Amino acid sequence: METEAIRVEGLRHVYGSRRALNQVSFTVTRGEMFGLLGPNGGGKTTLFKILATLLRPSGGAAFVFGDPLSLPDAVRRHLGVVFQHPSLDGKLTVAENLVCHGHLYGLHGARLRQRTQTVLQRLGLADRAADRVETLSGGLQRRTELAKALLHQPPLLLLDEPSIGLDPNARRDFLQYLRQLREQEGVTIVLTTHDLDEAERCDRIAILHQGNLVSIGAPAELKARVGGDVVVMQTQDPGALRQKIRRRFGCDAAVVDGTLRVERPHGHEFVRDVVEAFPTDVTLVTYGKPTLEDVFIHLTGHRFWSEEQESKRQ
């Protein structure tokens, strides 16, 4: 228990008739960078709100550094929170935003000045302290959000889609700051994301799908479970080619969004054999090492991004 930052036990939540979380259980180790990965509607934002004490769960329990969520004031002392949508006052300067936030946590005088200076320097914002937030780039505003969340030195940082809206360079820099926090200061970081590249940077990830925790582990470990290379074939008649492959090679291909997918060791050899056996059936074939999207397909039978698009339509 002393090594755990978070323990979640059988957490459930419903919105009317819709089940957003279904018996979710996991632990997060102190000093870990832990990702909650899933398409929109998977349950990750609901879980984030519950851990941030913004939403009471319908059932189950969770503990943050041993304090139960039923004692929100105790839990909040452990938390620094960065929300998906900005919570800064654009008319105030960077330093003024931090001072206002510090007052909420009882920081005043020399202590507040020292902490403000420390986080501004730590996040490369010292030379922008007197700039109004509305004049900053998206990347600098995100770093200001992070500085605000770290002002009171919380041992746990919760971030909801932390790099949303950032350009690739700003996103890379922001994620690098997070890793430095974990490695140099031992801060435990839990973030929600539907960005597969972002999830790759986490020590472990929990994959959520339709409110269920379908798998948990290090990205490399999850990809290793897929089994060999992933071969994707385009064809005019996926069902017919699937039957032919089963009869000829004794393996079952999955039909996903009109394509056939096979998980096979030595994918290049399998590609050669399939094309030689059925040259008129295969219109396009690719293969490669498994990605996190392949893991999601392996676990759910659905493409990650098609799930995203379906959630947005709903």
Protein backbone atom coordinates (compact mmCIF):
# COMPACT_ATOMS: atom_id res chain seq x y z
CA MET A 1 0.00 0.00 0.00
CA GLU A 2 2.90 2.39 0.72
CA THR A 3 3.98 2.21 -2.93
CA GLU A 4 0.50 3.02 -4.26
CA ALA A 5 -0.54 6.52 -5.28
CA ILE A 6 -4.01 5.44 -6.43
CA ARG A 7 -6.12 2.36 -5.82
CA VAL A 8 -9.40 1.96 -7.71
CA GLU A 9 -11.73 -0.87 -6.69
CA GLY A 10 -14.81 -1.85 -8.72
CA LEU A 11 -15.60 1.72 -9.72
CA ARG A 12 -18.96 2.20 -11.43
CA HIS A 13 -20.80 5.21 -12.81
CA VAL A 14 -24.01 5.64 -14.78
CA TYR A 15 -25.58 8.60 -16.54
CA GLY A 16 -29.27 7.74 -16.66
CA SER A 17 -29.41 4.45 -18.55
CA ARG A 18 -25.86 4.74 -19.93
CA ARG A 19 -23.09 2.93 -18.09
CA ALA A 20 -19.96 5.10 -18.26
CA LEU A 21 -17.79 2.92 -15.99
CA ASN A 22 -18.30 -0.75 -15.29
CA GLN A 23 -16.41 -2.34 -12.36
CA VAL A 24 -13.09 -0.65 -13.13
CA SER A 25 -10.18 -1.66 -10.88
CA PHE A 26 -6.47 -0.79 -11.05
CA THR A 27 -3.58 0.72 -9.08
CA VAL A 28 -1.07 3.45 -9.92
CA THR A 29 2.40 3.25 -8.39
CA ARG A 30 4.01 6.30 -6.81
CA GLY A 31 6.27 8.10 -9.28
CA GLU A 32 4.60 6.47 -12.28
CA MET A 33 3.43 8.16 -15.47
CA PHE A 34 0.12 6.41 -16.07
CA GLY A 35 -2.19 6.90 -19.05
CA LEU A 36 -5.93 6.34 -19.40
CA LEU A 37 -6.32 5.60 -23.11
CA GLY A 38 -9.56 5.29 -25.00
CA PRO A 39 -11.78 6.87 -27.64
CA ASN A 40 -14.29 9.53 -26.69
CA GLY A 41 -17.09 7.84 -24.79
CA GLY A 42 -14.78 5.15 -23.42
CA GLY A 43 -15.07 6.38 -19.83
CA LYS A 44 -11.71 8.04 -19.27
CA THR A 45 -13.02 11.57 -18.65
CA THR A 46 -15.63 10.24 -16.21
CA LEU A 47 -12.85 8.42 -14.37
CA PHE A 48 -10.75 11.60 -14.37
CA LYS A 49 -13.60 13.60 -12.84
CA ILE A 50 -14.12 11.00 -10.14
CA LEU A 51 -10.42 10.92 -9.21
CA ALA A 52 -10.38 14.74 -9.18
CA THR A 53 -13.31 14.65 -6.68
CA LEU A 54 -15.54 16.51 -9.16
CA LEU A 55 -17.98 13.61 -9.54
CA ARG A 56 -19.28 11.07 -7.04
CA PRO A 57 -19.19 7.51 -8.41
CA SER A 58 -22.31 5.37 -8.53
CA GLY A 59 -20.46 2.53 -6.83
CA GLY A 60 -17.08 1.12 -5.91
CA ALA A 61 -14.26 2.91 -4.14
CA ALA A 62 -10.99 4.72 -4.84
CA PHE A 63 -8.13 5.91 -2.65
CA VAL A 64 -5.50 8.60 -3.27
CA PHE A 65 -2.40 8.11 -1.11
CA GLY A 66 -4.61 6.14 1.25
CA ASP A 67 -7.36 8.76 1.56
CA PRO A 68 -10.78 7.63 0.25
CA LEU A 69 -12.67 9.72 -2.26
CA SER A 70 -15.44 9.92 0.34
CA LEU A 71 -13.15 12.47 2.06
CA PRO A 72 -12.67 14.92 -0.84
CA ASP A 73 -10.93 17.63 1.20
CA ALA A 74 -8.23 15.17 2.23
CA VAL A 75 -7.83 13.88 -1.34
CA ARG A 76 -7.55 17.37 -2.84
CA ARG A 77 -4.47 18.12 -0.75
CA HIS A 78 -2.64 15.49 -2.80
CA LEU A 79 -3.78 16.77 -6.20
CA GLY A 80 -2.65 19.15 -8.87
CA VAL A 81 -5.18 19.22 -11.72
CA VAL A 82 -4.87 20.39 -15.32
CA PHE A 83 -8.22 20.40 -17.10
CA GLN A 84 -8.81 19.87 -20.80
CA HIS A 85 -10.19 23.39 -21.15
CA PRO A 86 -8.10 26.39 -19.98
CA SER A 87 -8.68 27.66 -16.45
CA LEU A 88 -6.41 30.71 -16.70
CA ASP A 89 -7.46 34.35 -16.59
CA GLY A 90 -6.22 35.79 -19.87
CA LYS A 91 -6.29 39.38 -18.58
CA LEU A 92 -3.88 38.60 -15.75
CA THR A 93 -0.16 38.03 -16.14
CA VAL A 94 1.42 34.62 -15.75
CA ALA A 95 2.65 35.51 -12.25
CA GLU A 96 -0.71 36.97 -11.22
CA ASN A 97 -2.49 33.76 -12.21
CA LEU A 98 -0.11 31.80 -10.00
CA VAL A 99 -0.50 34.19 -7.05
CA CYS A 100 -4.30 33.95 -7.18
CA HIS A 101 -4.09 30.17 -7.29
CA GLY A 102 -1.58 30.10 -4.44
CA HIS A 103 -3.95 32.05 -2.19
CA LEU A 104 -6.54 29.30 -2.66
CA TYR A 105 -4.07 26.85 -1.15
CA GLY A 106 -3.11 29.11 1.76
CA LEU A 107 0.20 30.28 0.31
CA HIS A 108 1.23 33.86 1.16
CA GLY A 109 4.22 36.13 1.49
CA ALA A 110 7.75 34.80 1.08
CA ARG A 111 6.59 31.21 0.69
CA LEU A 112 4.29 32.11 -2.21
CA ARG A 113 6.97 34.23 -3.88
CA GLN A 114 9.50 31.42 -3.56
CA ARG A 115 7.14 28.79 -5.00
CA THR A 116 6.09 31.08 -7.85
CA GLN A 117 9.69 31.75 -8.80
CA THR A 118 10.56 28.06 -8.58
CA VAL A 119 7.79 26.79 -10.86
CA LEU A 120 8.28 29.62 -13.35
CA GLN A 121 11.95 28.75 -13.66
CA ARG A 122 11.23 25.03 -13.70
CA LEU A 123 8.88 25.39 -16.66
CA GLY A 124 10.87 27.99 -18.57
CA LEU A 125 8.40 30.79 -17.90
CA ALA A 126 10.50 33.15 -15.76
CA ASP A 127 11.01 35.62 -18.62
CA ARG A 128 7.25 35.63 -19.36
CA ALA A 129 6.07 36.20 -15.78
CA ALA A 130 4.91 39.77 -16.50
CA ASP A 131 3.18 38.88 -19.79
CA ARG A 132 -0.60 38.68 -19.92
CA VAL A 133 -1.72 35.10 -20.51
CA GLU A 134 -3.85 36.04 -23.53
CA THR A 135 -0.68 37.08 -25.39
CA LEU A 136 0.99 33.68 -24.99
CA SER A 137 1.09 30.82 -27.48
CA GLY A 138 -0.94 27.70 -26.81
CA GLY A 139 2.16 25.84 -25.66
CA LEU A 140 3.14 28.54 -23.17
CA GLN A 141 -0.41 28.73 -21.84
CA ARG A 142 -0.37 24.97 -21.28
CA ARG A 143 2.91 25.28 -19.39
CA THR A 144 1.34 28.04 -17.28
CA GLU A 145 -1.53 25.67 -16.46
CA LEU A 146 1.01 23.09 -15.37
CA ALA A 147 2.92 25.65 -13.29
CA LYS A 148 -0.31 26.58 -11.53
CA ALA A 149 -1.11 22.93 -10.80
CA LEU A 150 2.37 22.36 -9.34
CA LEU A 151 2.50 25.52 -7.22
CA HIS A 152 1.47 23.82 -3.96
CA GLN A 153 3.80 20.85 -4.58
CA PRO A 154 1.20 18.09 -4.99
CA PRO A 155 2.53 14.52 -5.15
CA LEU A 156 -0.08 13.60 -7.78
CA LEU A 157 -0.80 15.40 -11.03
CA LEU A 158 -4.05 14.69 -12.91
CA LEU A 159 -4.25 15.87 -16.50
CA ASP A 160 -7.24 15.62 -18.84
CA GLU A 161 -6.10 15.52 -22.50
CA PRO A 162 -3.08 17.69 -21.58
CA SER A 163 -1.72 18.31 -25.09
CA ILE A 164 -5.02 18.94 -26.88
CA GLY A 165 -4.79 21.95 -29.19
CA LEU A 166 -0.98 22.05 -29.17
CA ASP A 167 1.11 21.89 -32.32
CA PRO A 168 3.50 18.91 -32.59
CA ASN A 169 6.55 20.79 -31.28
CA ALA A 170 4.67 22.27 -28.31
CA ARG A 171 3.18 18.86 -27.52
CA ARG A 172 6.59 17.21 -27.57
CA ASP A 173 8.04 19.87 -25.24
CA PHE A 174 5.07 19.64 -22.86
CA LEU A 175 5.33 15.86 -22.59
CA GLN A 176 9.07 16.18 -22.00
CA TYR A 177 8.36 18.49 -19.05
CA LEU A 178 6.05 15.84 -17.62
CA ARG A 179 8.72 13.17 -17.83
CA GLN A 180 11.23 15.47 -16.14
CA LEU A 181 8.78 16.04 -13.30
CA ARG A 182 8.40 12.32 -12.83
CA GLU A 183 12.09 11.53 -13.07
CA GLN A 184 13.54 14.48 -11.13
CA GLU A 185 10.86 15.22 -8.54
CA GLY A 186 9.03 11.90 -8.21
CA VAL A 187 5.64 13.37 -9.10
CA THR A 188 3.02 10.74 -9.97
CA ILE A 189 1.28 11.65 -13.22
CA VAL A 190 -2.07 10.33 -14.44
CA LEU A 191 -3.32 11.59 -17.78
CA THR A 192 -6.26 10.86 -20.03
CA THR A 193 -5.61 10.72 -23.74
CA HIS A 194 -6.94 9.49 -27.05
CA ASP A 195 -3.57 10.28 -28.68
CA LEU A 196 -1.71 7.04 -29.37
CA ASP A 197 1.72 8.72 -29.55
CA GLU A 198 1.08 10.37 -26.19
CA ALA A 199 0.12 7.03 -24.67
CA GLU A 200 3.41 5.52 -25.91
CA ARG A 201 5.28 7.88 -23.56
CA CYS A 202 3.57 6.54 -20.44
CA ASP A 203 5.11 3.89 -18.17
CA ARG A 204 1.80 2.01 -18.22
CA ILE A 205 -1.59 2.56 -19.79
CA ALA A 206 -5.10 1.38 -19.01
CA ILE A 207 -7.24 0.91 -22.12
CA LEU A 208 -10.91 1.80 -21.66
CA HIS A 209 -13.65 0.80 -24.08
CA GLN A 210 -17.35 1.50 -23.52
CA GLY A 211 -16.79 1.89 -19.78
CA ASN A 212 -14.78 -1.31 -19.37
CA LEU A 213 -11.10 -1.66 -18.54
CA VAL A 214 -10.04 -4.07 -21.28
CA SER A 215 -6.31 -4.22 -20.59
CA ILE A 216 -3.51 -2.61 -18.61
CA GLY A 217 0.27 -2.68 -18.94
CA ALA A 218 3.35 -1.03 -20.41
CA PRO A 219 2.93 -0.05 -24.09
CA ALA A 220 5.64 -2.49 -25.20
CA GLU A 221 4.09 -5.27 -23.12
CA LEU A 222 0.63 -4.68 -24.59
CA LYS A 223 1.98 -4.71 -28.15
CA ALA A 224 3.88 -7.93 -27.48
CA ARG A 225 0.58 -9.63 -26.56
CA VAL A 226 -0.74 -9.12 -30.10
CA GLY A 227 1.50 -11.86 -31.44
CA GLY A 228 3.84 -11.30 -34.35
CA ASP A 229 3.31 -8.87 -37.21
CA VAL A 230 -0.01 -7.38 -38.23
CA VAL A 231 -0.96 -8.05 -41.85
CA VAL A 232 -3.74 -5.93 -43.35
CA MET A 233 -5.31 -6.89 -46.68
CA GLN A 234 -7.74 -5.02 -48.89
CA THR A 235 -10.02 -7.11 -51.09
CA GLN A 236 -13.30 -6.85 -52.96
CA ASP A 237 -14.85 -9.68 -50.92
CA PRO A 238 -13.42 -9.87 -47.38
CA GLY A 239 -15.69 -12.77 -46.37
CA ALA A 240 -14.67 -14.95 -49.29
CA LEU A 241 -10.95 -14.28 -48.86
CA ARG A 242 -11.26 -14.94 -45.15
CA GLN A 243 -12.61 -18.43 -45.87
CA LYS A 244 -9.85 -19.12 -48.40
CA ILE A 245 -7.13 -18.09 -45.92
CA ARG A 246 -8.64 -20.27 -43.22
CA ARG A 247 -8.71 -23.32 -45.50
CA ARG A 248 -5.24 -22.74 -46.98
CA PHE A 249 -3.25 -21.49 -43.98
CA GLY A 250 -5.31 -22.63 -40.99
CA CYS A 251 -5.56 -19.17 -39.45
CA ASP A 252 -8.50 -16.86 -38.92
CA ALA A 253 -8.49 -13.32 -40.25
CA ALA A 254 -10.59 -10.60 -38.64
CA VAL A 255 -12.78 -8.33 -40.76
CA VAL A 256 -12.33 -4.75 -39.53
CA ASP A 257 -13.81 -1.82 -41.45
CA GLY A 258 -13.89 -3.83 -44.68
CA THR A 259 -10.28 -5.04 -44.45
CA LEU A 260 -8.83 -8.36 -43.34
CA ARG A 261 -6.33 -8.39 -40.47
CA VAL A 262 -4.13 -11.31 -39.50
CA GLU A 263 -1.66 -11.46 -36.60
CA ARG A 264 1.23 -13.68 -37.72
CA PRO A 265 4.90 -14.19 -36.91
CA HIS A 266 7.14 -13.44 -39.91
CA GLY A 267 4.55 -11.26 -41.60
CA HIS A 268 6.65 -10.76 -44.72
CA GLU A 269 6.57 -14.50 -45.41
CA PHE A 270 2.82 -14.66 -44.88
CA VAL A 271 2.31 -11.70 -47.26
CA ARG A 272 4.32 -13.50 -49.94
CA ASP A 273 2.40 -16.73 -49.48
CA VAL A 274 -1.05 -15.08 -49.54
CA VAL A 275 -0.28 -13.04 -52.66
CA GLU A 276 1.08 -16.13 -54.43
CA ALA A 277 -1.95 -18.20 -53.40
CA PHE A 278 -4.63 -15.58 -54.20
CA PRO A 279 -3.14 -13.02 -56.59
CA THR A 280 -6.51 -11.84 -57.93
CA ASP A 281 -8.17 -11.54 -54.50
CA VAL A 282 -5.72 -9.21 -52.77
CA THR A 283 -5.78 -5.62 -54.06
CA LEU A 284 -3.45 -4.16 -51.42
CA VAL A 285 -1.52 -5.64 -48.51
CA THR A 286 0.62 -4.08 -45.77
CA TYR A 287 2.34 -5.46 -42.70
CA GLY A 288 4.27 -4.14 -39.71
CA LYS A 289 4.97 -4.45 -36.02
CA PRO A 290 1.93 -3.97 -33.76
CA THR A 291 0.94 -0.45 -32.70
CA LEU A 292 -1.32 0.57 -29.83
CA GLU A 293 -4.17 0.83 -32.33
CA ASP A 294 -3.51 -2.82 -33.24
CA VAL A 295 -3.72 -3.61 -29.53
CA PHE A 296 -7.10 -1.86 -29.35
CA ILE A 297 -8.37 -3.80 -32.38
CA HIS A 298 -7.05 -7.05 -30.91
CA LEU A 299 -8.93 -6.41 -27.66
CA THR A 300 -12.18 -4.92 -28.96
CA GLY A 301 -12.54 -5.90 -32.60
CA HIS A 302 -12.88 -2.23 -33.56
CA ARG A 303 -10.49 0.37 -34.93
CA PHE A 304 -9.60 3.07 -32.43
CA TRP A 305 -10.29 5.98 -34.74
CA SER A 306 -13.57 4.58 -36.05
CA GLU A 307 -14.66 4.46 -32.40
CA GLU A 308 -13.65 8.11 -32.08
CA GLN A 309 -15.70 9.11 -35.09
CA GLU A 310 -18.73 7.14 -33.94
CA SER A 311 -18.56 8.80 -30.51
CA LYS A 312 -18.47 12.25 -32.12
CA ARG A 313 -21.56 11.46 -34.20
CA GLN A 314 -23.38 10.52 -31.02
